[in-house]
Amino acid sequence: MTVAPALKSLRDSADLRHLRQIIAGLDEGVILVDPDQSILWANEAALGMHGVDAIEALGATVDDYRQRFQLRYRNNHRLRGADYPIERVVAGEAFSEVVVEVAVAGEAEPRWVHQVRSLVLTNAEDEPECLVLVIQDVSARFEAEDRFEQSFNANPAPAVICRLNDLRFVKVNQGFLDMTGHDRDTVLAKTVYDIDVLARAEKRDLGKERLAEGRTIPQMEAELDLPTGETKLVIVAGQPIDMGDQPCMLFTFADLEPRRKAENALRQSEERFTRTFSLAPVALAIGALDGHRLCDVNAAFTALTGYAADEIIGRPLGEVGLWETPALQHALEGEIDAGHALRDREVRIRLKDGAVIDGIVSTEPILLRDEACVLWAMRDISTRKASERELVGAIEAVMKDTSWLSRSIMEKLARIRAPQAEPSGVGLDELTQREREVLALICRGLDDKSIARTLDLSGNTVRNHVARIYAKIGVNRRNAAAAWARARGFDGDSMSTSSTNEPSEREVAA
């Protein structure tokens, strides 16, 4: 390598030795380059930042350095030869804080991130005498920023970041875009007050004050304006952070819109339930599952029992004495406590005036304002029970002396006492042989398709026979037809369908 005498003198001078001694102890990497593009010297920090132990491993010249180390910008754009910081300093260019990723030649991924600035040392004639590259290894910082970037973008919780010096948004994640419907470019072109993240916040003044001071903004409810003209209820909070040595504010959000919709739906549901409960013609009461204390009753309940709402609400049913006996009370409450719902349970209800009536009670577990409750429904069946008792008594009295009654009257009375299908005045004699065969198979439980196969008839023919049978005997269901037949001693077992003299449809067709 050819070096000018003046430069050789500079290398050996006391000033250069002193300069090297000073540089050797720096944490920053320093590389000295001769204007003729030869690499003169590098301190230990600079060697370590390139993963080498000796200056020769950096390369003897700028060209050697460029062949041994591949540089690219942070946007993955590879540097051309003239863009290398070491080339730029040789060209006499002054620059500061150029950030590049450095990879060893032949390796795909970079090992380091360097932040580089230049310095030109001149002689008395102000001519370049020594060119200096000052390097900082900022790999750890940028790795942390990369991790933050990845975490920020992958986080499903909506978030945006604004710079504090101009309040302009510098980052936005997909969660915020999905929540609001904004597009990324629109957000990054706006400020905090263009897209107001503290809109209608409950502590808006405090939020603005903390934002101006760069201090933590506590959680508060806000209502963001959306591009559609609608609003969205959120919880917003702010946390001061640094990004690239710039103070910023990280805003995070929790979407409360599902909760608001659920609360509105719940409120509307409770309002509908309350209206239905109040206006229902059936006596209804709501009791707490714990202790069976009454929480509410409707107008029909007070009309049935005689108790006013303020006389009974807040008291357990057992204390009110609504049931005829304590045993009945314990039985009903025991089933409720065991998790069993009552269905049309006949009970005896004691009214406020002391009268006892027959009733039917049903219950259903419900959740009211997050409290486990029981909905009681009661009906007065005293009139029906009295009528039934009177009718049964009259039938039993009449049937004690049946000598003067005809068989048909006896059958009617028997069916009133033990209800079944009501027969018409038509007898079996009025049915054709084929209709009796169809009726016999109905009594055996066969459906139309099975009857058609048994009698070798078409489905339409069977349906026509069934319709004529219904019309003649005055029923409209199969079980009623079977009951009608059995009431006359005809169950189909004694009748063989093979005994008919009527030809089948296939025989007729033949």
Protein backbone atom coordinates (compact mmCIF):
# COMPACT_ATOMS: atom_id res chain seq x y z
CA MET A 1 0.00 0.00 0.00
CA THR A 2 1.37 3.43 -0.98
CA VAL A 3 0.98 6.09 1.67
CA ALA A 4 2.04 9.74 1.26
CA PRO A 5 5.02 10.82 3.39
CA ALA A 6 2.90 13.35 5.22
CA LEU A 7 0.38 10.69 6.19
CA LYS A 8 3.16 8.37 7.34
CA SER A 9 4.39 11.15 9.48
CA LEU A 10 0.87 11.60 10.86
CA ARG A 11 0.63 7.91 11.74
CA ASP A 12 3.82 8.05 13.72
CA SER A 13 3.29 11.39 15.35
CA ALA A 14 2.65 11.78 19.05
CA ASP A 15 -0.71 13.36 18.33
CA LEU A 16 -1.87 10.24 16.52
CA ARG A 17 -0.66 8.02 19.33
CA HIS A 18 -2.51 10.14 21.81
CA LEU A 19 -5.61 10.05 19.62
CA ARG A 20 -5.46 6.27 19.42
CA GLN A 21 -5.09 5.97 23.18
CA ILE A 22 -8.12 8.15 23.73
CA ILE A 23 -10.21 6.30 21.13
CA ALA A 24 -9.21 2.85 22.39
CA GLY A 25 -11.07 3.40 25.65
CA LEU A 26 -14.32 4.55 24.06
CA ASP A 27 -17.48 2.42 24.05
CA GLU A 28 -18.20 3.70 20.58
CA GLY A 29 -16.49 2.01 17.67
CA VAL A 30 -14.04 4.15 15.74
CA ILE A 31 -12.50 3.36 12.36
CA LEU A 32 -9.81 5.64 10.89
CA VAL A 33 -9.66 5.74 7.10
CA ASP A 34 -6.96 7.31 4.95
CA PRO A 35 -8.13 9.60 2.15
CA ASP A 36 -6.55 7.05 -0.20
CA GLN A 37 -9.30 4.60 1.04
CA SER A 38 -7.00 2.41 3.11
CA ILE A 39 -8.23 1.47 6.59
CA LEU A 40 -5.64 2.80 9.03
CA TRP A 41 -6.86 1.65 12.42
CA ALA A 42 -9.90 0.58 14.48
CA ASN A 43 -10.45 0.35 18.21
CA GLU A 44 -11.55 -2.80 20.04
CA ALA A 45 -15.17 -1.65 20.13
CA ALA A 46 -15.26 -1.29 16.32
CA LEU A 47 -13.69 -4.72 15.84
CA GLY A 48 -16.20 -6.29 18.22
CA MET A 49 -19.05 -4.63 16.39
CA HIS A 50 -17.94 -6.54 13.27
CA GLY A 51 -17.20 -9.83 15.00
CA VAL A 52 -13.42 -9.72 14.29
CA ASP A 53 -10.29 -9.63 16.42
CA ALA A 54 -7.87 -7.75 14.18
CA ILE A 55 -7.97 -4.78 11.88
CA GLU A 56 -6.90 -6.96 8.97
CA ALA A 57 -10.23 -8.81 9.24
CA LEU A 58 -12.05 -5.57 8.46
CA GLY A 59 -10.19 -5.35 5.20
CA ALA A 60 -7.21 -3.41 4.08
CA THR A 61 -9.24 -0.98 2.02
CA VAL A 62 -12.77 0.32 1.68
CA ASP A 63 -13.35 -2.11 -1.19
CA ASP A 64 -12.23 -5.01 0.98
CA TYR A 65 -14.60 -3.89 3.72
CA ARG A 66 -17.52 -3.71 1.28
CA GLN A 67 -16.82 -7.28 0.08
CA ARG A 68 -16.60 -8.68 3.59
CA PHE A 69 -19.69 -7.01 5.03
CA GLN A 70 -23.08 -6.51 3.44
CA LEU A 71 -25.15 -3.55 4.59
CA ARG A 72 -28.82 -2.79 4.17
CA TYR A 73 -31.25 -0.22 5.50
CA ARG A 74 -33.92 -1.05 8.06
CA ASN A 75 -36.49 -1.32 5.30
CA ASN A 76 -34.54 -4.33 3.91
CA HIS A 77 -33.25 -2.24 0.99
CA ARG A 78 -29.64 -3.27 0.30
CA LEU A 79 -27.06 -0.46 0.12
CA ARG A 80 -25.24 0.16 -3.12
CA GLY A 81 -21.48 0.53 -2.92
CA ALA A 82 -21.51 4.34 -2.99
CA ASP A 83 -24.11 4.38 -0.16
CA TYR A 84 -21.89 2.56 2.34
CA PRO A 85 -21.05 4.94 5.21
CA ILE A 86 -17.35 4.15 4.77
CA GLU A 87 -17.63 5.16 1.08
CA ARG A 88 -19.51 8.31 1.96
CA VAL A 89 -16.93 9.43 4.48
CA VAL A 90 -14.16 8.84 1.93
CA ALA A 91 -16.12 11.04 -0.45
CA GLY A 92 -15.92 13.77 2.18
CA GLU A 93 -19.61 13.63 3.09
CA ALA A 94 -20.59 14.61 6.61
CA PHE A 95 -23.54 12.70 8.07
CA SER A 96 -24.94 11.66 11.41
CA GLU A 97 -27.12 8.83 12.73
CA VAL A 98 -27.21 6.69 9.62
CA VAL A 99 -28.73 3.37 10.73
CA VAL A 100 -27.77 0.22 8.82
CA GLU A 101 -28.03 -3.51 9.35
CA VAL A 102 -24.71 -5.33 8.97
CA ALA A 103 -24.36 -8.92 7.79
CA VAL A 104 -21.22 -10.98 7.19
CA ALA A 105 -20.80 -11.69 3.49
CA GLY A 106 -22.59 -14.89 2.51
CA GLU A 107 -25.08 -14.75 5.40
CA ALA A 108 -28.72 -13.94 4.68
CA GLU A 109 -29.60 -12.37 8.04
CA PRO A 110 -27.85 -9.37 9.59
CA ARG A 111 -25.95 -9.76 12.85
CA TRP A 112 -25.80 -6.15 14.00
CA VAL A 113 -27.53 -2.82 13.69
CA HIS A 114 -25.07 0.10 13.52
CA GLN A 115 -25.76 3.77 13.94
CA VAL A 116 -22.95 5.62 12.13
CA ARG A 117 -21.75 9.20 11.95
CA SER A 118 -18.76 10.72 10.15
CA LEU A 119 -15.91 13.01 11.15
CA VAL A 120 -13.22 14.54 8.91
CA LEU A 121 -9.91 15.57 10.46
CA THR A 122 -8.09 18.25 8.46
CA ASN A 123 -4.55 19.60 8.42
CA ALA A 124 -3.42 23.19 8.72
CA GLU A 125 -4.36 23.78 5.09
CA ASP A 126 -7.89 22.47 5.85
CA GLU A 127 -7.29 19.44 3.71
CA PRO A 128 -8.68 16.01 4.76
CA GLU A 129 -5.94 14.26 6.66
CA CYS A 130 -7.87 11.47 8.36
CA LEU A 131 -11.47 10.25 7.93
CA VAL A 132 -13.30 8.87 10.94
CA LEU A 133 -16.34 6.57 11.25
CA VAL A 134 -17.94 6.62 14.68
CA ILE A 135 -20.15 3.58 15.22
CA GLN A 136 -22.68 2.67 17.90
CA ASP A 137 -24.06 -0.86 18.16
CA VAL A 138 -27.81 -0.28 18.55
CA SER A 139 -28.78 -3.90 17.89
CA ALA A 140 -30.35 -4.36 21.34
CA ARG A 141 -32.42 -1.21 20.99
CA PHE A 142 -33.75 -2.12 17.58
CA GLU A 143 -34.36 -5.73 18.60
CA ALA A 144 -36.46 -4.40 21.46
CA GLU A 145 -38.27 -2.08 19.06
CA ASP A 146 -38.88 -4.99 16.69
CA ARG A 147 -40.29 -7.07 19.49
CA PHE A 148 -42.49 -4.19 20.54
CA GLU A 149 -43.60 -3.66 16.93
CA GLN A 150 -44.50 -7.32 16.54
CA SER A 151 -46.28 -7.40 19.88
CA PHE A 152 -48.11 -4.15 19.13
CA ASN A 153 -49.31 -5.33 15.74
CA ALA A 154 -50.26 -8.81 16.94
CA ASN A 155 -52.09 -7.60 20.03
CA PRO A 156 -55.85 -7.96 19.44
CA ALA A 157 -56.53 -5.14 21.92
CA PRO A 158 -57.09 -1.90 19.96
CA ALA A 159 -54.18 0.56 20.32
CA VAL A 160 -52.68 3.69 18.76
CA ILE A 161 -49.49 5.65 19.49
CA CYS A 162 -49.05 9.40 19.10
CA ARG A 163 -45.95 11.59 19.37
CA LEU A 164 -46.18 14.01 22.23
CA ASN A 165 -44.44 16.89 20.44
CA ASP A 166 -47.13 17.21 17.74
CA LEU A 167 -49.81 14.71 18.95
CA ARG A 168 -49.70 13.01 15.55
CA PHE A 169 -50.43 9.30 15.37
CA VAL A 170 -47.34 7.31 14.40
CA LYS A 171 -48.59 3.73 14.87
CA VAL A 172 -51.96 1.98 14.82
CA ASN A 173 -52.68 -1.72 15.14
CA GLN A 174 -55.27 -3.85 13.38
CA GLY A 175 -57.40 -4.10 16.51
CA PHE A 176 -58.07 -0.35 16.45
CA LEU A 177 -58.83 -0.39 12.72
CA ASP A 178 -61.26 -3.30 13.16
CA MET A 179 -62.96 -1.63 16.12
CA THR A 180 -63.43 1.78 14.53
CA GLY A 181 -63.60 1.08 10.79
CA HIS A 182 -60.85 3.64 10.02
CA ASP A 183 -58.16 2.78 7.47
CA ARG A 184 -54.49 2.87 8.46
CA ASP A 185 -53.41 5.76 6.19
CA THR A 186 -56.24 7.96 7.48
CA VAL A 187 -55.25 7.40 11.10
CA LEU A 188 -51.53 8.02 10.50
CA ALA A 189 -52.34 11.32 8.79
CA LYS A 190 -54.32 12.62 11.78
CA THR A 191 -53.72 13.92 15.29
CA VAL A 192 -55.25 12.93 18.60
CA TYR A 193 -57.91 15.60 18.22
CA ASP A 194 -58.66 14.87 14.54
CA ILE A 195 -59.60 11.37 15.60
CA ASP A 196 -60.55 12.21 19.15
CA VAL A 197 -59.68 9.26 21.37
CA LEU A 198 -60.96 11.19 24.40
CA ALA A 199 -64.31 12.10 22.84
CA ARG A 200 -67.01 12.52 25.49
CA ALA A 201 -64.72 10.91 28.06
CA GLU A 202 -66.01 11.00 31.60
CA LYS A 203 -62.73 12.67 32.75
CA ARG A 204 -61.84 14.43 29.52
CA ASP A 205 -60.19 17.46 31.16
CA LEU A 206 -57.96 15.20 33.26
CA GLY A 207 -57.06 13.18 30.16
CA LYS A 208 -56.08 16.31 28.20
CA GLU A 209 -54.02 17.59 31.14
CA ARG A 210 -52.14 14.29 31.52
CA LEU A 211 -51.57 14.10 27.75
CA ALA A 212 -50.05 17.60 27.72
CA GLU A 213 -47.77 16.63 30.62
CA GLY A 214 -46.82 13.25 29.11
CA ARG A 215 -48.14 11.44 32.18
CA THR A 216 -50.24 8.29 32.54
CA ILE A 217 -53.91 8.77 31.61
CA PRO A 218 -56.12 6.66 33.90
CA GLN A 219 -58.84 4.40 32.51
CA MET A 220 -62.04 6.20 31.64
CA GLU A 221 -65.11 5.62 29.52
CA ALA A 222 -65.30 7.48 26.21
CA GLU A 223 -67.50 7.39 23.14
CA LEU A 224 -65.53 7.36 19.89
CA ASP A 225 -66.96 8.80 16.68
CA LEU A 226 -66.83 6.28 13.82
CA PRO A 227 -66.51 7.02 10.08
CA THR A 228 -70.10 5.80 9.63
CA GLY A 229 -71.44 8.56 11.87
CA GLU A 230 -72.17 6.12 14.69
CA THR A 231 -70.40 6.04 18.04
CA LYS A 232 -68.73 3.27 20.02
CA LEU A 233 -68.49 3.05 23.79
CA VAL A 234 -64.95 2.21 24.96
CA ILE A 235 -62.61 2.31 27.91
CA VAL A 236 -59.49 4.29 27.01
CA ALA A 237 -56.21 4.62 28.91
CA GLY A 238 -52.85 6.24 28.05
CA GLN A 239 -49.31 5.16 28.91
CA PRO A 240 -46.24 7.31 28.11
CA ILE A 241 -43.51 5.44 26.17
CA ASP A 242 -40.37 6.29 24.19
CA MET A 243 -40.02 5.35 20.53
CA GLY A 244 -36.74 6.11 18.83
CA ASP A 245 -35.85 8.57 21.58
CA GLN A 246 -39.12 10.39 20.97
CA PRO A 247 -41.63 10.66 23.83
CA CYS A 248 -44.95 9.17 22.80
CA MET A 249 -48.31 8.17 24.32
CA LEU A 250 -49.71 4.67 23.87
CA PHE A 251 -53.51 4.65 23.93
CA THR A 252 -55.21 1.30 24.54
CA PHE A 253 -58.91 0.57 24.34
CA ALA A 254 -61.48 -1.95 25.52
CA ASP A 255 -64.61 -2.20 23.38
CA LEU A 256 -67.66 -1.79 25.63
CA GLU A 257 -70.17 -1.85 22.78
CA PRO A 258 -71.05 -5.54 23.26
CA ARG A 259 -71.62 -4.84 26.94
CA ARG A 260 -73.81 -1.82 26.14
CA LYS A 261 -75.85 -3.85 23.66
CA ALA A 262 -76.19 -6.69 26.17
CA GLU A 263 -77.28 -4.23 28.87
CA ASN A 264 -79.82 -2.65 26.53
CA ALA A 265 -81.14 -6.07 25.53
CA LEU A 266 -81.33 -7.11 29.18
CA ARG A 267 -83.11 -3.90 30.13
CA GLN A 268 -85.61 -4.32 27.30
CA SER A 269 -86.12 -7.95 28.25
CA GLU A 270 -86.72 -7.02 31.88
CA GLU A 271 -89.14 -4.30 30.81
CA ARG A 272 -91.09 -6.77 28.68
CA PHE A 273 -91.06 -9.27 31.53
CA THR A 274 -92.27 -6.63 33.98
CA ARG A 275 -95.15 -5.58 31.70
CA THR A 276 -96.14 -9.19 31.07
CA PHE A 277 -95.83 -10.01 34.76
CA SER A 278 -97.97 -7.07 35.83
CA LEU A 279 -100.72 -7.54 33.24
CA ALA A 280 -100.92 -11.35 33.26
CA PRO A 281 -104.43 -12.63 34.19
CA VAL A 282 -102.82 -15.51 36.11
CA ALA A 283 -101.72 -14.95 39.71
CA LEU A 284 -97.92 -14.57 39.61
CA ALA A 285 -95.36 -14.05 42.34
CA ILE A 286 -91.56 -13.88 42.36
CA GLY A 287 -89.73 -15.31 45.34
CA ALA A 288 -86.06 -15.40 46.22
CA LEU A 289 -84.68 -18.92 46.06
CA ASP A 290 -82.87 -18.29 49.32
CA GLY A 291 -85.54 -18.29 52.05
CA HIS A 292 -88.52 -18.13 49.64
CA ARG A 293 -88.98 -14.45 50.44
CA LEU A 294 -91.46 -12.77 48.09
CA CYS A 295 -89.91 -10.09 45.87
CA ASP A 296 -92.93 -9.08 43.78
CA VAL A 297 -96.55 -10.02 43.09
CA ASN A 298 -98.93 -8.98 40.33
CA ALA A 299 -102.47 -7.64 40.49
CA ALA A 300 -104.00 -11.06 39.78
CA PHE A 301 -102.14 -12.48 42.79
CA THR A 302 -103.48 -9.82 45.16
CA ALA A 303 -106.99 -10.31 43.73
CA LEU A 304 -106.77 -14.09 44.29
CA THR A 305 -105.26 -14.09 47.79
CA GLY A 306 -106.68 -10.83 49.18
CA TYR A 307 -103.22 -9.65 50.25
CA ALA A 308 -102.06 -6.21 49.16
CA ALA A 309 -98.57 -6.07 47.65
CA ASP A 310 -97.08 -4.13 50.60
CA GLU A 311 -98.50 -6.70 53.03
CA ILE A 312 -96.75 -9.67 51.48
CA ILE A 313 -93.62 -8.48 49.60
CA GLY A 314 -90.49 -9.11 51.63
CA ARG A 315 -92.04 -11.93 53.68
CA PRO A 316 -91.43 -15.67 53.20
CA LEU A 317 -94.41 -17.62 51.90
CA GLY A 318 -94.28 -19.83 55.00
CA GLU A 319 -94.65 -16.82 57.27
CA VAL A 320 -97.60 -15.55 55.27
CA GLY A 321 -99.30 -18.92 55.72
CA LEU A 322 -100.43 -19.15 52.11
CA TRP A 323 -100.51 -22.95 52.13
CA GLU A 324 -103.23 -24.88 53.96
CA THR A 325 -100.84 -26.85 56.17
CA PRO A 326 -97.19 -26.58 57.25
CA ALA A 327 -96.66 -30.05 55.78
CA LEU A 328 -97.73 -28.78 52.36
CA GLN A 329 -95.41 -25.77 52.73
CA HIS A 330 -92.41 -27.96 53.61
CA ALA A 331 -93.15 -30.34 50.74
CA LEU A 332 -93.34 -27.57 48.15
CA GLU A 333 -90.30 -25.67 49.42
CA GLY A 334 -88.33 -28.94 49.70
CA GLU A 335 -88.89 -29.68 46.02
CA ILE A 336 -87.91 -26.13 45.05
CA ASP A 337 -84.73 -26.34 47.16
CA ALA A 338 -83.88 -29.65 45.48
CA GLY A 339 -83.97 -27.92 42.09
CA HIS A 340 -87.28 -29.42 40.95
CA ALA A 341 -89.83 -27.27 39.15
CA LEU A 342 -93.49 -27.80 40.02
CA ARG A 343 -95.90 -28.46 37.17
CA ASP A 344 -99.67 -28.08 37.68
CA ARG A 345 -99.45 -29.29 41.28
CA GLU A 346 -102.87 -29.35 42.98
CA VAL A 347 -102.67 -27.59 46.33
CA ARG A 348 -104.89 -26.01 48.92
CA ILE A 349 -104.36 -22.24 49.26
CA ARG A 350 -105.30 -20.27 52.37
CA LEU A 351 -106.51 -16.74 51.59
CA LYS A 352 -106.12 -13.65 53.75
CA ASP A 353 -109.64 -14.00 55.12
CA GLY A 354 -108.90 -17.58 56.21
CA ALA A 355 -110.86 -19.31 53.46
CA VAL A 356 -109.18 -22.26 51.78
CA ILE A 357 -109.49 -22.82 48.03
CA ASP A 358 -108.34 -25.48 45.60
CA GLY A 359 -105.56 -24.31 43.31
CA ILE A 360 -102.93 -25.39 40.81
CA VAL A 361 -99.34 -24.20 41.30
CA SER A 362 -96.44 -24.21 38.84
CA THR A 363 -92.93 -22.82 39.34
CA GLU A 364 -90.01 -21.88 37.11
CA PRO A 365 -86.46 -20.90 38.19
CA ILE A 366 -85.44 -17.48 36.83
CA LEU A 367 -82.48 -15.12 37.18
CA LEU A 368 -83.52 -11.59 38.12
CA ARG A 369 -80.81 -8.94 38.41
CA ASP A 370 -78.23 -11.70 38.93
CA GLU A 371 -80.25 -13.20 41.82
CA ALA A 372 -81.63 -16.74 41.66
CA CYS A 373 -85.41 -16.52 42.00
CA VAL A 374 -88.54 -18.62 41.52
CA LEU A 375 -91.57 -17.58 39.49
CA TRP A 376 -94.80 -18.89 41.06
CA ALA A 377 -97.99 -19.21 38.98
CA MET A 378 -101.30 -20.04 40.70
CA ARG A 379 -104.82 -20.68 39.47
CA ASP A 380 -108.04 -21.07 41.41
CA ILE A 381 -109.75 -24.35 40.44
CA SER A 382 -112.29 -24.43 43.28
CA THR A 383 -115.28 -24.11 40.92
CA ARG A 384 -114.01 -26.88 38.67
CA LYS A 385 -113.27 -29.18 41.60
CA ALA A 386 -116.72 -28.55 43.07
CA SER A 387 -118.38 -29.30 39.75
CA GLU A 388 -116.41 -32.50 39.36
CA ARG A 389 -117.32 -33.64 42.86
CA GLU A 390 -120.98 -32.88 42.28
CA LEU A 391 -121.03 -34.69 38.93
CA VAL A 392 -119.28 -37.77 40.28
CA GLY A 393 -121.64 -37.86 43.24
CA ALA A 394 -124.66 -37.60 40.97
CA ILE A 395 -123.37 -40.40 38.70
CA GLU A 396 -122.68 -42.69 41.64
CA ALA A 397 -126.18 -41.99 43.04
CA VAL A 398 -127.86 -42.78 39.73
CA MET A 399 -125.84 -45.93 39.10
CA LYS A 400 -126.97 -47.42 42.40
CA ASP A 401 -130.33 -48.11 40.70
CA THR A 402 -129.91 -48.74 36.97
CA SER A 403 -132.83 -51.09 36.37
CA TRP A 404 -134.82 -48.47 34.52
CA LEU A 405 -131.96 -47.13 32.43
CA SER A 406 -131.18 -48.31 28.92
CA ARG A 407 -127.77 -49.72 28.04
CA SER A 408 -126.85 -46.63 25.97
CA ILE A 409 -127.58 -44.28 28.89
CA MET A 410 -125.52 -46.51 31.15
CA GLU A 411 -122.62 -46.36 28.74
CA LYS A 412 -122.83 -42.56 28.60
CA LEU A 413 -122.85 -42.27 32.37
CA ALA A 414 -119.96 -44.69 32.64
CA ARG A 415 -117.95 -42.64 30.17
CA ILE A 416 -118.71 -39.41 32.08
CA ARG A 417 -117.41 -41.04 35.25
CA ALA A 418 -114.35 -42.46 33.45
CA PRO A 419 -113.95 -40.16 30.41
CA GLN A 420 -113.07 -41.61 27.00
CA ALA A 421 -114.10 -41.00 23.41
CA GLU A 422 -117.67 -39.79 23.10
CA PRO A 423 -119.62 -42.20 20.84
CA SER A 424 -122.05 -41.01 18.25
CA GLY A 425 -125.45 -42.53 17.60
CA VAL A 426 -123.98 -44.63 14.77
CA GLY A 427 -123.44 -48.35 15.39
CA LEU A 428 -121.08 -50.85 13.82
CA ASP A 429 -123.92 -52.01 11.59
CA GLU A 430 -123.74 -48.79 9.59
CA LEU A 431 -120.12 -49.44 8.56
CA THR A 432 -119.40 -51.49 5.44
CA GLN A 433 -117.42 -54.69 5.67
CA ARG A 434 -114.35 -52.94 4.27
CA GLU A 435 -114.74 -49.99 6.69
CA ARG A 436 -114.94 -52.46 9.60
CA GLU A 437 -111.73 -54.09 8.36
CA VAL A 438 -110.00 -50.71 8.19
CA LEU A 439 -111.34 -49.82 11.67
CA ALA A 440 -110.06 -53.16 13.02
CA LEU A 441 -106.58 -52.38 11.77
CA ILE A 442 -106.80 -48.85 13.22
CA CYS A 443 -107.59 -50.46 16.58
CA ARG A 444 -104.44 -52.57 16.20
CA GLY A 445 -102.39 -49.34 15.80
CA LEU A 446 -101.59 -49.62 12.08
CA ASP A 447 -101.03 -46.46 10.05
CA ASP A 448 -102.47 -45.85 6.56
CA LYS A 449 -99.47 -47.32 4.72
CA SER A 450 -99.56 -50.51 6.80
CA ILE A 451 -103.32 -50.84 6.31
CA ALA A 452 -102.86 -50.43 2.55
CA ARG A 453 -100.26 -53.23 2.46
CA THR A 454 -102.38 -55.52 4.66
CA LEU A 455 -105.55 -55.09 2.61
CA ASP A 456 -103.73 -54.81 -0.71
CA LEU A 457 -105.23 -51.36 -1.33
CA SER A 458 -103.80 -48.05 -2.51
CA GLY A 459 -102.98 -45.33 -0.05
CA ASN A 460 -105.68 -43.03 -1.44
CA THR A 461 -108.34 -45.75 -1.05
CA VAL A 462 -107.35 -46.30 2.57
CA ARG A 463 -107.48 -42.57 3.28
CA ASN A 464 -110.96 -42.38 1.74
CA HIS A 465 -112.18 -45.27 3.92
CA VAL A 466 -110.72 -43.61 7.02
CA ALA A 467 -112.38 -40.29 6.16
CA ARG A 468 -115.80 -42.02 5.71
CA ILE A 469 -115.37 -43.84 9.02
CA TYR A 470 -114.61 -40.54 10.80
CA ALA A 471 -117.64 -38.90 9.20
CA LYS A 472 -119.99 -41.73 10.16
CA ILE A 473 -118.95 -42.11 13.80
CA GLY A 474 -118.31 -38.38 14.44
CA VAL A 475 -114.59 -38.35 15.31
CA ASN A 476 -111.53 -36.76 13.74
CA ARG A 477 -108.56 -38.71 15.19
CA ARG A 478 -107.40 -42.33 15.07
CA ASN A 479 -107.29 -42.75 18.84
CA ALA A 480 -110.85 -41.43 19.08
CA ALA A 481 -111.97 -43.93 16.42
CA ALA A 482 -110.27 -46.75 18.31
CA ALA A 483 -111.92 -45.63 21.56
CA TRP A 484 -115.32 -45.52 19.80
CA ALA A 485 -114.83 -49.08 18.56
CA ARG A 486 -113.67 -50.44 21.92
CA ALA A 487 -116.65 -48.82 23.66
CA ARG A 488 -118.77 -51.12 21.53
CA GLY A 489 -116.71 -54.19 22.20
CA PHE A 490 -114.98 -54.07 18.81
CA ASP A 491 -111.20 -54.08 19.10
CA GLY A 492 -110.33 -55.72 15.78
CA ASP A 493 -108.71 -58.82 17.26
CA SER A 494 -111.75 -60.97 16.63
CA MET A 495 -112.00 -59.93 13.00
CA SER A 496 -109.72 -61.42 10.38
CA THR A 497 -109.04 -59.16 7.43
CA SER A 498 -108.53 -62.21 5.26
CA SER A 499 -112.21 -63.18 5.59
CA THR A 500 -113.50 -60.33 3.48
CA ASN A 501 -115.33 -61.14 0.29
CA GLU A 502 -114.47 -57.84 -1.31
CA PRO A 503 -111.87 -58.16 -4.06
CA SER A 504 -108.53 -56.35 -3.74
CA GLU A 505 -107.61 -53.53 -6.09
CA ARG A 506 -105.20 -55.83 -7.93
CA GLU A 507 -107.99 -58.40 -8.46
CA VAL A 508 -110.30 -55.66 -9.77
CA ALA A 509 -107.57 -54.41 -12.07
CA ALA A 510 -107.02 -57.99 -13.35
